[in-house]
C-alpha atoms as a PDB file:
ATOM      1  CA  MET A   1     -62.738 -83.714  98.426  1.00  0.00           C
ATOM      2  CA  ALA A   2     -64.671 -80.990 100.255  1.00  0.00           C
ATOM      3  CA  GLY A   3     -63.054 -78.367  98.038  1.00  0.00           C
ATOM      4  CA  CYS A   4     -64.067 -80.245  94.888  1.00  0.00           C
ATOM      5  CA  ALA A   5     -67.644 -80.508  96.157  1.00  0.00           C
ATOM      6  CA  ILE A   6     -67.782 -76.778  96.930  1.00  0.00           C
ATOM      7  CA  ALA A   7     -66.396 -75.895  93.496  1.00  0.00           C
ATOM      8  CA  LEU A   8     -68.933 -78.199  91.840  1.00  0.00           C
ATOM      9  CA  LEU A   9     -71.906 -76.796  93.760  1.00  0.00           C
ATOM     10  CA  VAL A  10     -70.915 -73.152  93.244  1.00  0.00           C
ATOM     11  CA  ALA A  11     -70.390 -73.709  89.511  1.00  0.00           C
ATOM     12  CA  ALA A  12     -73.722 -75.532  89.193  1.00  0.00           C
ATOM     13  CA  ALA A  13     -75.457 -72.681  91.040  1.00  0.00           C
ATOM     14  CA  ALA A  14     -73.840 -70.183  88.664  1.00  0.00           C
ATOM     15  CA  ILE A  15     -75.274 -72.103  85.698  1.00  0.00           C
ATOM     16  CA  TYR A  16     -78.748 -72.059  87.225  1.00  0.00           C
ATOM     17  CA  VAL A  17     -78.523 -68.315  87.892  1.00  0.00           C
ATOM     18  CA  ASP A  18     -77.306 -67.639  84.354  1.00  0.00           C
ATOM     19  CA  CYS A  19     -80.105 -69.681  82.748  1.00  0.00           C
ATOM     20  CA  TYR A  20     -82.699 -68.197  85.091  1.00  0.00           C
ATOM     21  CA  GLN A  21     -81.668 -64.639  84.219  1.00  0.00           C
ATOM     22  CA  ARG A  22     -81.812 -65.371  80.497  1.00  0.00           C
ATOM     23  CA  LEU A  23     -85.193 -67.070  80.761  1.00  0.00           C
ATOM     24  CA  SER A  24     -86.787 -64.527  83.099  1.00  0.00           C
ATOM     25  CA  LYS A  25     -86.425 -61.797  80.483  1.00  0.00           C
ATOM     26  CA  LEU A  26     -89.094 -63.559  78.407  1.00  0.00           C
ATOM     27  CA  TYR A  27     -90.977 -65.585  81.040  1.00  0.00           C
ATOM     28  CA  PRO A  28     -90.538 -63.854  84.418  1.00  0.00           C
ATOM     29  CA  ASN A  29     -92.975 -66.115  86.280  1.00  0.00           C
ATOM     30  CA  VAL A  30     -91.784 -69.590  85.357  1.00  0.00           C
ATOM     31  CA  PRO A  31     -92.070 -71.641  88.596  1.00  0.00           C
ATOM     32  CA  THR A  32     -88.770 -72.897  89.963  1.00  0.00           C
ATOM     33  CA  GLN A  33     -89.865 -76.547  89.719  1.00  0.00           C
ATOM     34  CA  PHE A  34     -89.445 -76.344  85.950  1.00  0.00           C
ATOM     35  CA  PHE A  35     -85.708 -75.820  86.408  1.00  0.00           C
ATOM     36  CA  THR A  36     -85.294 -79.545  87.103  1.00  0.00           C
ATOM     37  CA  SER A  37     -85.308 -80.410  83.392  1.00  0.00           C
ATOM     38  CA  LEU A  38     -82.695 -83.010  82.453  1.00  0.00           C
ATOM     39  CA  PRO A  39     -80.824 -80.787  79.940  1.00  0.00           C
ATOM     40  CA  LEU A  40     -80.284 -78.128  82.617  1.00  0.00           C
ATOM     41  CA  LEU A  41     -79.267 -80.678  85.239  1.00  0.00           C
ATOM     42  CA  PHE A  42     -76.804 -82.195  82.761  1.00  0.00           C
ATOM     43  CA  LEU A  43     -75.373 -78.786  81.831  1.00  0.00           C
ATOM     44  CA  ALA A  44     -74.959 -77.846  85.495  1.00  0.00           C
ATOM     45  CA  LEU A  45     -73.294 -81.203  86.220  1.00  0.00           C
ATOM     46  CA  ILE A  46     -70.812 -80.876  83.340  1.00  0.00           C
ATOM     47  CA  CYS A  47     -69.857 -77.342  84.364  1.00  0.00           C
ATOM     48  CA  GLY A  48     -69.669 -78.388  88.013  1.00  0.00           C
ATOM     49  CA  LEU A  49     -67.370 -81.299  87.216  1.00  0.00           C
ATOM     50  CA  THR A  50     -65.196 -78.964  85.162  1.00  0.00           C
ATOM     51  CA  ALA A  51     -64.901 -76.661  88.168  1.00  0.00           C
ATOM     52  CA  ALA A  52     -64.117 -79.584  90.474  1.00  0.00           C
ATOM     53  CA  ALA A  53     -61.373 -80.769  88.086  1.00  0.00           C
ATOM     54  CA  ALA A  54     -59.977 -77.232  87.833  1.00  0.00           C
ATOM     55  CA  PHE A  55     -59.788 -77.050  91.611  1.00  0.00           C
ATOM     56  CA  TYR A  56     -58.238 -80.505  91.975  1.00  0.00           C
ATOM     57  CA  PHE A  57     -55.538 -80.125  89.335  1.00  0.00           C
ATOM     58  CA  THR A  58     -54.343 -76.617  90.166  1.00  0.00           C
ATOM     59  CA  ASP A  59     -51.795 -75.721  92.806  1.00  0.00           C
ATOM     60  CA  PRO A  60     -52.333 -72.553  94.860  1.00  0.00           C
ATOM     61  CA  LYS A  61     -48.557 -72.359  95.293  1.00  0.00           C
ATOM     62  CA  GLY A  62     -47.840 -72.967  91.625  1.00  0.00           C
ATOM     63  CA  THR A  63     -46.136 -70.384  89.436  1.00  0.00           C
ATOM     64  CA  GLY A  64     -47.776 -71.330  86.140  1.00  0.00           C
ATOM     65  CA  TYR A  65     -50.325 -69.079  84.445  1.00  0.00           C
ATOM     66  CA  ILE A  66     -53.211 -71.549  84.917  1.00  0.00           C
ATOM     67  CA  ASP A  67     -52.365 -72.095  88.572  1.00  0.00           C
ATOM     68  CA  LYS A  68     -52.309 -68.351  89.213  1.00  0.00           C
ATOM     69  CA  LEU A  69     -55.504 -67.728  87.252  1.00  0.00           C
ATOM     70  CA  LEU A  70     -57.502 -70.484  88.939  1.00  0.00           C
ATOM     71  CA  SER A  71     -56.181 -70.062  92.445  1.00  0.00           C
ATOM     72  CA  LEU A  72     -54.954 -66.464  92.849  1.00  0.00           C
ATOM     73  CA  ASN A  73     -52.512 -68.178  95.200  1.00  0.00           C
ATOM     74  CA  ILE A  74     -55.310 -68.515  97.763  1.00  0.00           C
ATOM     75  CA  ASP A  75     -54.122 -70.920 100.462  1.00  0.00           C
ATOM     76  CA  ASN A  76     -57.518 -71.534 102.066  1.00  0.00           C
ATOM     77  CA  ASN A  77     -59.019 -74.471 100.185  1.00  0.00           C
ATOM     78  CA  TYR A  78     -62.607 -73.476 100.908  1.00  0.00           C
ATOM     79  CA  ALA A  79     -62.123 -69.917  99.679  1.00  0.00           C
ATOM     80  CA  ARG A  80     -60.228 -71.162  96.613  1.00  0.00           C
ATOM     81  CA  ALA A  81     -62.963 -73.719  95.839  1.00  0.00           C
ATOM     82  CA  PHE A  82     -65.618 -70.997  95.965  1.00  0.00           C
ATOM     83  CA  TYR A  83     -63.504 -68.777  93.712  1.00  0.00           C
ATOM     84  CA  VAL A  84     -62.923 -71.533  91.143  1.00  0.00           C
ATOM     85  CA  GLY A  85     -66.619 -72.447  91.104  1.00  0.00           C
ATOM     86  CA  ALA A  86     -67.633 -68.828  90.567  1.00  0.00           C
ATOM     87  CA  LEU A  87     -64.982 -68.296  87.874  1.00  0.00           C
ATOM     88  CA  ILE A  88     -65.659 -71.443  85.863  1.00  0.00           C
ATOM     89  CA  LEU A  89     -68.551 -69.900  83.922  1.00  0.00           C
ATOM     90  CA  VAL A  90     -66.210 -67.189  82.650  1.00  0.00           C
ATOM     91  CA  LEU A  91     -63.641 -69.783  81.583  1.00  0.00           C
ATOM     92  CA  ILE A  92     -66.180 -72.089  79.928  1.00  0.00           C
ATOM     93  CA  ARG A  93     -67.596 -69.191  77.929  1.00  0.00           C
ATOM     94  CA  SER A  94     -64.187 -68.239  76.549  1.00  0.00           C
ATOM     95  CA  LYS A  95     -63.777 -67.930  72.775  1.00  0.00           C
ATOM     96  CA  LEU A  96     -60.978 -69.787  71.011  1.00  0.00           C
ATOM     97  CA  PHE A  97     -61.645 -68.800  67.368  1.00  0.00           C
ATOM     98  CA  GLN A  98     -64.410 -68.020  64.880  1.00  0.00           C
ATOM     99  CA  LEU A  99     -65.793 -70.194  62.087  1.00  0.00           C
ATOM    100  CA  GLN A 100     -68.079 -68.502  59.554  1.00  0.00           C
ATOM    101  CA  GLY A 101     -68.944 -65.809  62.077  1.00  0.00           C
ATOM    102  CA  ALA A 102     -69.696 -68.258  64.908  1.00  0.00           C
ATOM    103  CA  ASP A 103     -67.594 -68.358  68.064  1.00  0.00           C
ATOM    104  CA  ILE A 104     -65.942 -71.740  68.542  1.00  0.00           C
ATOM    105  CA  GLY A 105     -64.741 -72.751  71.976  1.00  0.00           C
ATOM    106  CA  GLY A 106     -66.258 -72.962  75.418  1.00  0.00           C
ATOM    107  CA  GLU A 107     -68.695 -70.168  74.553  1.00  0.00           C
ATOM    108  CA  PHE A 108     -70.002 -72.075  71.524  1.00  0.00           C
ATOM    109  CA  PHE A 109     -70.653 -75.334  73.370  1.00  0.00           C
ATOM    110  CA  TYR A 110     -72.012 -73.604  76.466  1.00  0.00           C
ATOM    111  CA  ASN A 111     -74.504 -71.621  74.373  1.00  0.00           C
ATOM    112  CA  LEU A 112     -75.630 -74.819  72.654  1.00  0.00           C
ATOM    113  CA  GLY A 113     -76.168 -76.564  75.973  1.00  0.00           C
ATOM    114  CA  SER A 114     -77.808 -73.635  77.719  1.00  0.00           C
ATOM    115  CA  GLN A 115     -80.166 -72.965  74.809  1.00  0.00           C
ATOM    116  CA  LYS A 116     -81.272 -76.604  74.794  1.00  0.00           C
ATOM    117  CA  ALA A 117     -81.810 -76.444  78.547  1.00  0.00           C
ATOM    118  CA  ILE A 118     -83.830 -73.217  78.304  1.00  0.00           C
ATOM    119  CA  ASN A 119     -85.910 -74.620  75.430  1.00  0.00           C
ATOM    120  CA  SER A 120     -86.736 -77.662  77.556  1.00  0.00           C
ATOM    121  CA  ILE A 121     -87.880 -75.438  80.431  1.00  0.00           C
ATOM    122  CA  VAL A 122     -89.974 -73.251  78.116  1.00  0.00           C
ATOM    123  CA  LEU A 123     -91.732 -76.263  76.590  1.00  0.00           C
ATOM    124  CA  ARG A 124     -92.541 -77.683  80.027  1.00  0.00           C
ATOM    125  CA  TRP A 125     -93.806 -74.276  81.158  1.00  0.00           C
ATOM    126  CA  ILE A 126     -96.044 -73.859  78.085  1.00  0.00           C
ATOM    127  CA  GLU A 127     -97.508 -77.347  78.481  1.00  0.00           C
ATOM    128  CA  TRP A 128     -98.197 -76.733  82.170  1.00  0.00           C
ATOM    129  CA  SER A 129     -99.635 -73.232  81.642  1.00  0.00           C
ATOM    130  CA  ASN A 130    -101.975 -74.468  78.888  1.00  0.00           C
ATOM    131  CA  ALA A 131    -103.352 -77.139  81.208  1.00  0.00           C
ATOM    132  CA  PHE A 132    -103.589 -74.637  84.091  1.00  0.00           C
ATOM    133  CA  VAL A 133    -105.554 -72.118  82.025  1.00  0.00           C
ATOM    134  CA  GLU A 134    -108.030 -74.753  80.850  1.00  0.00           C
ATOM    135  CA  GLN A 135    -108.503 -75.943  84.441  1.00  0.00           C
ATOM    136  CA  VAL A 136    -109.144 -72.447  85.786  1.00  0.00           C
ATOM    137  CA  LEU A 137    -111.163 -71.035  82.897  1.00  0.00           C
ATOM    138  CA  PRO A 138    -114.597 -72.659  83.572  1.00  0.00           C
ATOM    139  CA  LYS A 139    -114.671 -71.242  87.098  1.00  0.00           C
ATOM    140  CA  THR A 140    -113.904 -67.671  86.039  1.00  0.00           C
ATOM    141  CA  TYR A 141    -117.217 -67.047  84.287  1.00  0.00           C
ATOM    142  CA  VAL A 142    -119.195 -67.105  87.536  1.00  0.00           C
ATOM    143  CA  ASP A 143    -117.112 -64.266  89.019  1.00  0.00           C
ATOM    144  CA  PRO A 144    -118.629 -60.975  87.823  1.00  0.00           C
ATOM    145  CA  ASN A 145    -115.438 -59.105  88.779  1.00  0.00           C
ATOM    146  CA  PHE A 146    -112.951 -61.546  87.268  1.00  0.00           C
ATOM    147  CA  ASP A 147    -111.695 -59.364  84.432  1.00  0.00           C
ATOM    148  CA  VAL A 148    -111.566 -56.196  86.551  1.00  0.00           C
ATOM    149  CA  SER A 149    -109.659 -57.964  89.341  1.00  0.00           C
ATOM    150  CA  MET A 150    -107.126 -59.643  87.059  1.00  0.00           C
ATOM    151  CA  LEU A 151    -106.524 -56.518  84.985  1.00  0.00           C
ATOM    152  CA  GLY A 152    -106.013 -54.637  88.257  1.00  0.00           C
ATOM    153  CA  PHE A 153    -103.335 -57.126  89.340  1.00  0.00           C
ATOM    154  CA  MET A 154    -101.564 -56.764  86.007  1.00  0.00           C
ATOM    155  CA  LYS A 155    -101.700 -52.972  86.134  1.00  0.00           C
ATOM    156  CA  ALA A 156    -100.131 -53.065  89.599  1.00  0.00           C
ATOM    157  CA  ILE A 157     -97.306 -55.297  88.363  1.00  0.00           C
ATOM    158  CA  ALA A 158     -96.764 -52.999  85.371  1.00  0.00           C
ATOM    159  CA  ALA A 159     -96.640 -49.917  87.595  1.00  0.00           C
ATOM    160  CA  ALA A 160     -93.995 -51.550  89.802  1.00  0.00           C
ATOM    161  CA  ALA A 161     -91.840 -52.809  86.912  1.00  0.00           C
ATOM    162  CA  ALA A 162     -88.345 -51.353  86.799  1.00  0.00           C
ATOM    163  CA  ASP A 163     -87.927 -52.042  83.078  1.00  0.00           C
ATOM    164  CA  PRO A 164     -89.785 -49.314  81.126  1.00  0.00           C
ATOM    165  CA  LYS A 165     -90.094 -51.504  78.010  1.00  0.00           C
ATOM    166  CA  TYR A 166     -91.612 -54.359  80.009  1.00  0.00           C
ATOM    167  CA  ARG A 167     -94.018 -51.915  81.677  1.00  0.00           C
ATOM    168  CA  SER A 168     -94.984 -50.428  78.315  1.00  0.00           C
ATOM    169  CA  ASP A 169     -95.573 -53.873  76.779  1.00  0.00           C
ATOM    170  CA  ILE A 170     -97.881 -54.938  79.619  1.00  0.00           C
ATOM    171  CA  GLU A 171     -99.848 -51.689  79.528  1.00  0.00           C
ATOM    172  CA  SER A 172    -100.244 -51.972  75.748  1.00  0.00           C
ATOM    173  CA  GLN A 173    -101.547 -55.541  76.022  1.00  0.00           C
ATOM    174  CA  ILE A 174    -103.952 -54.532  78.792  1.00  0.00           C
ATOM    175  CA  GLN A 175    -105.392 -51.791  76.582  1.00  0.00           C
ATOM    176  CA  GLN A 176    -105.884 -54.271  73.750  1.00  0.00           C
ATOM    177  CA  ILE A 177    -107.691 -56.671  76.087  1.00  0.00           C
ATOM    178  CA  GLU A 178    -109.956 -53.926  77.462  1.00  0.00           C
ATOM    179  CA  HIS A 179    -110.908 -52.868  73.928  1.00  0.00           C
ATOM    180  CA  SER A 180    -111.724 -56.452  72.976  1.00  0.00           C
ATOM    181  CA  LYS A 181    -114.288 -56.983  75.751  1.00  0.00           C
ATOM    182  CA  PRO A 182    -117.495 -58.416  74.227  1.00  0.00           C
ATOM    183  CA  ALA A 183    -120.778 -56.570  74.618  1.00  0.00           C
ATOM    184  CA  GLY A 184    -123.660 -57.917  76.650  1.00  0.00           C
ATOM    185  CA  PRO A 185    -123.749 -60.291  79.652  1.00  0.00           C
ATOM    186  CA  VAL A 186    -121.054 -62.894  80.225  1.00  0.00           C
ATOM    187  CA  ALA A 187    -121.849 -66.169  78.466  1.00  0.00           C
ATOM    188  CA  ALA A 188    -119.605 -69.177  79.004  1.00  0.00           C
ATOM    189  CA  THR A 189    -120.796 -70.688  75.704  1.00  0.00           C
ATOM    190  CA  ASP A 190    -120.045 -67.584  73.639  1.00  0.00           C
ATOM    191  CA  PRO A 191    -116.737 -67.954  71.700  1.00  0.00           C
ATOM    192  CA  ASN A 192    -116.036 -64.225  72.105  1.00  0.00           C
ATOM    193  CA  TRP A 193    -116.342 -64.379  75.896  1.00  0.00           C
ATOM    194  CA  GLN A 194    -114.299 -67.571  75.944  1.00  0.00           C
ATOM    195  CA  ARG A 195    -111.529 -65.862  73.984  1.00  0.00           C
ATOM    196  CA  TYR A 196    -111.671 -62.775  76.214  1.00  0.00           C
ATOM    197  CA  TYR A 197    -111.519 -64.714  79.484  1.00  0.00           C
ATOM    198  CA  ARG A 198    -108.881 -67.119  78.189  1.00  0.00           C
ATOM    199  CA  THR A 199    -106.672 -64.193  77.139  1.00  0.00           C
ATOM    200  CA  ILE A 200    -107.005 -62.547  80.556  1.00  0.00           C
ATOM    201  CA  THR A 201    -106.330 -65.820  82.374  1.00  0.00           C
ATOM    202  CA  ARG A 202    -103.227 -66.585  80.327  1.00  0.00           C
ATOM    203  CA  MET A 203    -101.819 -63.084  80.601  1.00  0.00           C
ATOM    204  CA  THR A 204    -102.470 -63.002  84.351  1.00  0.00           C
ATOM    205  CA  LEU A 205    -100.513 -66.237  84.701  1.00  0.00           C
ATOM    206  CA  GLU A 206     -97.615 -64.879  82.625  1.00  0.00           C
ATOM    207  CA  VAL A 207     -97.471 -61.465  84.315  1.00  0.00           C
ATOM    208  CA  CYS A 208     -98.484 -62.214  87.905  1.00  0.00           C
ATOM    209  CA  GLY A 209     -97.884 -65.936  88.252  1.00  0.00           C
ATOM    210  CA  SER A 210    -100.495 -68.408  89.503  1.00  0.00           C
ATOM    211  CA  ARG A 211    -101.185 -66.733  92.864  1.00  0.00           C
ATOM    212  CA  PRO A 212    -104.147 -64.485  91.775  1.00  0.00           C
ATOM    213  CA  LEU A 213    -105.764 -67.454  90.013  1.00  0.00           C
ATOM    214  CA  LYS A 214    -105.539 -70.026  92.794  1.00  0.00           C
ATOM    215  CA  ARG A 215    -108.965 -69.016  94.118  1.00  0.00           C
ATOM    216  CA  TYR A 216    -110.477 -70.534  90.965  1.00  0.00           C
ATOM    217  CA  LEU A 217    -108.864 -73.946  91.323  1.00  0.00           C
END
């Protein structure tokens, strides 16, 4: 039973890592608490149970192709359980055949499930970030250095980014924001200043996370 549990947990962790990597390309600062969405939990559970079943029903001393593939003839149950859990994502994403250009098999159903899970996380993140921005926004107008400070944080993140495209995108957006700064003193009732500060607040949250904005809560 311990081997089945290890295989399940390792497989579930692999699903979380896979979904996190796919999501972080678009939303790199989504807080980890949003990864508790039911679709993702369900996907991880299904894949984990598949790994547990693969561990339970294969024989490390067997001579069949499946037994050799899923066990590598590893005698240590703990090591074999870890191997099966780590391998299950590869097996689930296998392709059996194509129908009208679409892959049908484990890959097809896994992509359906993972996309639904990622969509659920994105929707929760957008709802939360909208509420966060509106909560922070009124308190930003009284800080005369708000825009300079936040743009400085974003420039630092851009400079440290390993992905040149991501760095270029951030720098381009920063330039657009700087060019859109309204003239005259800051006015919380002016729609132009509201738009300017809201844009900076939202982009800061997306690029840097909530940490630079916590002082305004």
